[in-house]
């Protein structure tokens, strides 16, 4: 759908499936490489998805406009559940924007039915 423009996320297999003002959604099909030693989804992978989707939620610009960039100032993650499944969907929502800082929240869902993790982040626009 949309170019993710991030080599690390592309390498992981993440795709940007929805991108509009104050919202981003990403998808990742789970493989054995995304699991921890007990066969569950690695917590660091969920942190990566939350960081990415919360950050991207504040970066939307209409086609033809110069892209926005940001850095993460803080990210707090809560692990809600653990399970086995096949697809992760991460959703990011901007809660508040200033001129140089924005705040967003995110969710990571397993197979669109089980909430695995939530997060809140603070991001700074860079030029």
C-alpha atoms as a PDB file:
ATOM      1  CA  UNK A   1       0.000   0.000   0.000  1.00  0.00           C
ATOM      2  CA  UNK A   2       2.449   2.682   1.206  1.00  0.00           C
ATOM      3  CA  UNK A   3       6.210   2.714   1.163  1.00  0.00           C
ATOM      4  CA  UNK A   4       7.563   2.214   4.651  1.00  0.00           C
ATOM      5  CA  UNK A   5      10.913   3.854   3.730  1.00  0.00           C
ATOM      6  CA  UNK A   6      12.758   2.105   6.580  1.00  0.00           C
ATOM      7  CA  UNK A   7      15.309  -0.585   5.769  1.00  0.00           C
ATOM      8  CA  UNK A   8      15.184  -2.163   9.230  1.00  0.00           C
ATOM      9  CA  UNK A   9      11.394  -2.537   9.200  1.00  0.00           C
ATOM     10  CA  UNK A  10      11.499  -3.836   5.630  1.00  0.00           C
ATOM     11  CA  UNK A  11      14.150  -6.379   6.660  1.00  0.00           C
ATOM     12  CA  UNK A  12      11.858  -7.562   9.483  1.00  0.00           C
ATOM     13  CA  UNK A  13       9.019  -7.960   6.980  1.00  0.00           C
ATOM     14  CA  UNK A  14       6.850  -5.092   8.246  1.00  0.00           C
ATOM     15  CA  UNK A  15       4.433  -3.469   5.783  1.00  0.00           C
ATOM     16  CA  UNK A  16       2.563  -0.187   6.149  1.00  0.00           C
ATOM     17  CA  UNK A  17      -1.077  -1.097   5.506  1.00  0.00           C
ATOM     18  CA  UNK A  18      -2.873   2.137   6.432  1.00  0.00           C
ATOM     19  CA  UNK A  19      -1.476   5.663   6.680  1.00  0.00           C
ATOM     20  CA  UNK A  20      -3.570   8.777   7.134  1.00  0.00           C
ATOM     21  CA  UNK A  21      -3.581  11.880   9.352  1.00  0.00           C
ATOM     22  CA  UNK A  22      -2.854  10.917  12.973  1.00  0.00           C
ATOM     23  CA  UNK A  23      -3.009   7.170  12.248  1.00  0.00           C
ATOM     24  CA  UNK A  24      -0.705   4.429  10.998  1.00  0.00           C
ATOM     25  CA  UNK A  25      -1.161   0.677  10.762  1.00  0.00           C
ATOM     26  CA  UNK A  26       1.512  -1.935  10.135  1.00  0.00           C
ATOM     27  CA  UNK A  27       1.390  -5.673   9.541  1.00  0.00           C
ATOM     28  CA  UNK A  28       3.926  -8.424  10.113  1.00  0.00           C
ATOM     29  CA  UNK A  29       3.523 -12.093   9.273  1.00  0.00           C
ATOM     30  CA  UNK A  30       5.156 -14.038  12.065  1.00  0.00           C
ATOM     31  CA  UNK A  31       7.964 -16.473  11.351  1.00  0.00           C
ATOM     32  CA  UNK A  32      10.151 -18.614  13.593  1.00  0.00           C
ATOM     33  CA  UNK A  33      12.707 -15.795  13.518  1.00  0.00           C
ATOM     34  CA  UNK A  34      10.258 -13.542  15.401  1.00  0.00           C
ATOM     35  CA  UNK A  35       9.860 -15.940  18.328  1.00  0.00           C
ATOM     36  CA  UNK A  36      11.661 -16.137  21.647  1.00  0.00           C
ATOM     37  CA  UNK A  37      13.060 -19.353  23.113  1.00  0.00           C
ATOM     38  CA  UNK A  38       9.653 -20.528  24.372  1.00  0.00           C
ATOM     39  CA  UNK A  39       8.038 -20.098  20.959  1.00  0.00           C
ATOM     40  CA  UNK A  40       6.153 -16.897  21.705  1.00  0.00           C
ATOM     41  CA  UNK A  41       6.551 -13.553  19.950  1.00  0.00           C
ATOM     42  CA  UNK A  42       9.707 -11.797  21.089  1.00  0.00           C
ATOM     43  CA  UNK A  43       8.896  -8.808  23.337  1.00  0.00           C
ATOM     44  CA  UNK A  44      11.514  -6.676  21.615  1.00  0.00           C
ATOM     45  CA  UNK A  45       9.700  -7.189  18.330  1.00  0.00           C
ATOM     46  CA  UNK A  46       6.513  -5.802  19.841  1.00  0.00           C
ATOM     47  CA  UNK A  47       8.475  -2.824  21.218  1.00  0.00           C
ATOM     48  CA  UNK A  48       9.876  -2.216  17.736  1.00  0.00           C
ATOM     49  CA  UNK A  49       6.398  -2.310  16.212  1.00  0.00           C
ATOM     50  CA  UNK A  50       5.025   0.064  18.853  1.00  0.00           C
ATOM     51  CA  UNK A  51       7.902   2.498  18.364  1.00  0.00           C
ATOM     52  CA  UNK A  52       7.460   2.421  14.593  1.00  0.00           C
ATOM     53  CA  UNK A  53       3.670   2.682  14.428  1.00  0.00           C
ATOM     54  CA  UNK A  54       3.445   5.393  17.104  1.00  0.00           C
ATOM     55  CA  UNK A  55       6.137   7.376  15.312  1.00  0.00           C
ATOM     56  CA  UNK A  56       4.639   6.954  11.858  1.00  0.00           C
ATOM     57  CA  UNK A  57       1.219   8.063  13.154  1.00  0.00           C
ATOM     58  CA  UNK A  58       2.592  11.601  13.408  1.00  0.00           C
ATOM     59  CA  UNK A  59       4.353  11.626  10.046  1.00  0.00           C
ATOM     60  CA  UNK A  60       1.532  11.601   7.511  1.00  0.00           C
ATOM     61  CA  UNK A  61       1.645  14.294   4.831  1.00  0.00           C
ATOM     62  CA  UNK A  62      -0.460  14.461   1.661  1.00  0.00           C
ATOM     63  CA  UNK A  63       1.107  13.125  -1.555  1.00  0.00           C
ATOM     64  CA  UNK A  64       3.526  15.594  -3.120  1.00  0.00           C
ATOM     65  CA  UNK A  65       4.598  17.177   0.179  1.00  0.00           C
ATOM     66  CA  UNK A  66       8.071  16.818   1.677  1.00  0.00           C
ATOM     67  CA  UNK A  67       8.244  13.874   4.086  1.00  0.00           C
ATOM     68  CA  UNK A  68       8.386  14.447   7.821  1.00  0.00           C
ATOM     69  CA  UNK A  69      10.990  12.758  10.022  1.00  0.00           C
ATOM     70  CA  UNK A  70      11.156  12.179  13.751  1.00  0.00           C
ATOM     71  CA  UNK A  71      13.087  10.656  16.618  1.00  0.00           C
ATOM     72  CA  UNK A  72      11.722   8.866  19.653  1.00  0.00           C
ATOM     73  CA  UNK A  73      12.153  10.690  22.951  1.00  0.00           C
ATOM     74  CA  UNK A  74      10.415   8.081  25.106  1.00  0.00           C
ATOM     75  CA  UNK A  75       8.432   4.881  24.726  1.00  0.00           C
ATOM     76  CA  UNK A  76       6.593   3.005  27.461  1.00  0.00           C
ATOM     77  CA  UNK A  77       5.395  -0.508  26.692  1.00  0.00           C
ATOM     78  CA  UNK A  78       2.890  -2.726  28.472  1.00  0.00           C
ATOM     79  CA  UNK A  79       2.736  -6.420  27.662  1.00  0.00           C
ATOM     80  CA  UNK A  80      -0.885  -7.530  27.999  1.00  0.00           C
ATOM     81  CA  UNK A  81      -0.899 -11.104  26.746  1.00  0.00           C
ATOM     82  CA  UNK A  82       1.168 -13.808  25.078  1.00  0.00           C
ATOM     83  CA  UNK A  83       0.025 -16.356  22.534  1.00  0.00           C
ATOM     84  CA  UNK A  84       0.864 -18.105  19.307  1.00  0.00           C
ATOM     85  CA  UNK A  85      -0.523 -16.881  16.018  1.00  0.00           C
ATOM     86  CA  UNK A  86       0.345 -15.885  12.481  1.00  0.00           C
ATOM     87  CA  UNK A  87      -0.046 -12.115  11.945  1.00  0.00           C
ATOM     88  CA  UNK A  88       0.707  -9.052  14.047  1.00  0.00           C
ATOM     89  CA  UNK A  89      -1.145  -5.815  13.370  1.00  0.00           C
ATOM     90  CA  UNK A  90       0.143  -2.642  15.019  1.00  0.00           C
ATOM     91  CA  UNK A  91      -2.020   0.475  15.212  1.00  0.00           C
ATOM     92  CA  UNK A  92      -0.750   3.941  16.103  1.00  0.00           C
ATOM     93  CA  UNK A  93      -2.844   6.974  17.065  1.00  0.00           C
ATOM     94  CA  UNK A  94      -1.652  10.559  17.627  1.00  0.00           C
ATOM     95  CA  UNK A  95      -3.084  11.893  20.882  1.00  0.00           C
ATOM     96  CA  UNK A  96      -1.658  15.422  20.764  1.00  0.00           C
ATOM     97  CA  UNK A  97       0.640  17.444  18.504  1.00  0.00           C
ATOM     98  CA  UNK A  98       2.720  20.529  19.125  1.00  0.00           C
ATOM     99  CA  UNK A  99       5.047  22.382  16.773  1.00  0.00           C
ATOM    100  CA  UNK A 100       8.019  20.098  17.418  1.00  0.00           C
ATOM    101  CA  UNK A 101       6.755  17.313  19.726  1.00  0.00           C
ATOM    102  CA  UNK A 102       3.874  14.862  19.438  1.00  0.00           C
ATOM    103  CA  UNK A 103       2.434  12.181  21.680  1.00  0.00           C
ATOM    104  CA  UNK A 104       0.933   8.947  20.440  1.00  0.00           C
ATOM    105  CA  UNK A 105      -0.311   5.592  21.624  1.00  0.00           C
ATOM    106  CA  UNK A 106      -0.183   2.204  20.005  1.00  0.00           C
ATOM    107  CA  UNK A 107      -1.523  -1.323  20.115  1.00  0.00           C
ATOM    108  CA  UNK A 108      -0.181  -4.643  18.851  1.00  0.00           C
ATOM    109  CA  UNK A 109      -2.848  -7.218  17.969  1.00  0.00           C
ATOM    110  CA  UNK A 110      -2.367 -10.905  17.207  1.00  0.00           C
ATOM    111  CA  UNK A 111      -4.541 -12.207  14.373  1.00  0.00           C
ATOM    112  CA  UNK A 112      -6.808  -9.137  14.779  1.00  0.00           C
ATOM    113  CA  UNK A 113      -8.368 -10.652  17.896  1.00  0.00           C
ATOM    114  CA  UNK A 114      -5.942 -10.643  20.858  1.00  0.00           C
ATOM    115  CA  UNK A 115      -4.340  -7.490  22.239  1.00  0.00           C
ATOM    116  CA  UNK A 116      -0.718  -8.377  23.014  1.00  0.00           C
ATOM    117  CA  UNK A 117       0.846  -5.023  23.911  1.00  0.00           C
ATOM    118  CA  UNK A 118       0.161  -1.321  24.241  1.00  0.00           C
ATOM    119  CA  UNK A 119       2.482   1.636  24.322  1.00  0.00           C
ATOM    120  CA  UNK A 120       2.696   5.393  24.596  1.00  0.00           C
ATOM    121  CA  UNK A 121       5.436   7.504  23.120  1.00  0.00           C
ATOM    122  CA  UNK A 122       6.809  11.001  22.807  1.00  0.00           C
ATOM    123  CA  UNK A 123       8.387  11.966  19.486  1.00  0.00           C
ATOM    124  CA  UNK A 124      10.276  15.000  18.193  1.00  0.00           C
ATOM    125  CA  UNK A 125      10.164  16.217  14.613  1.00  0.00           C
ATOM    126  CA  UNK A 126      13.605  16.670  13.049  1.00  0.00           C
ATOM    127  CA  UNK A 127      14.616  18.740  10.039  1.00  0.00           C
END
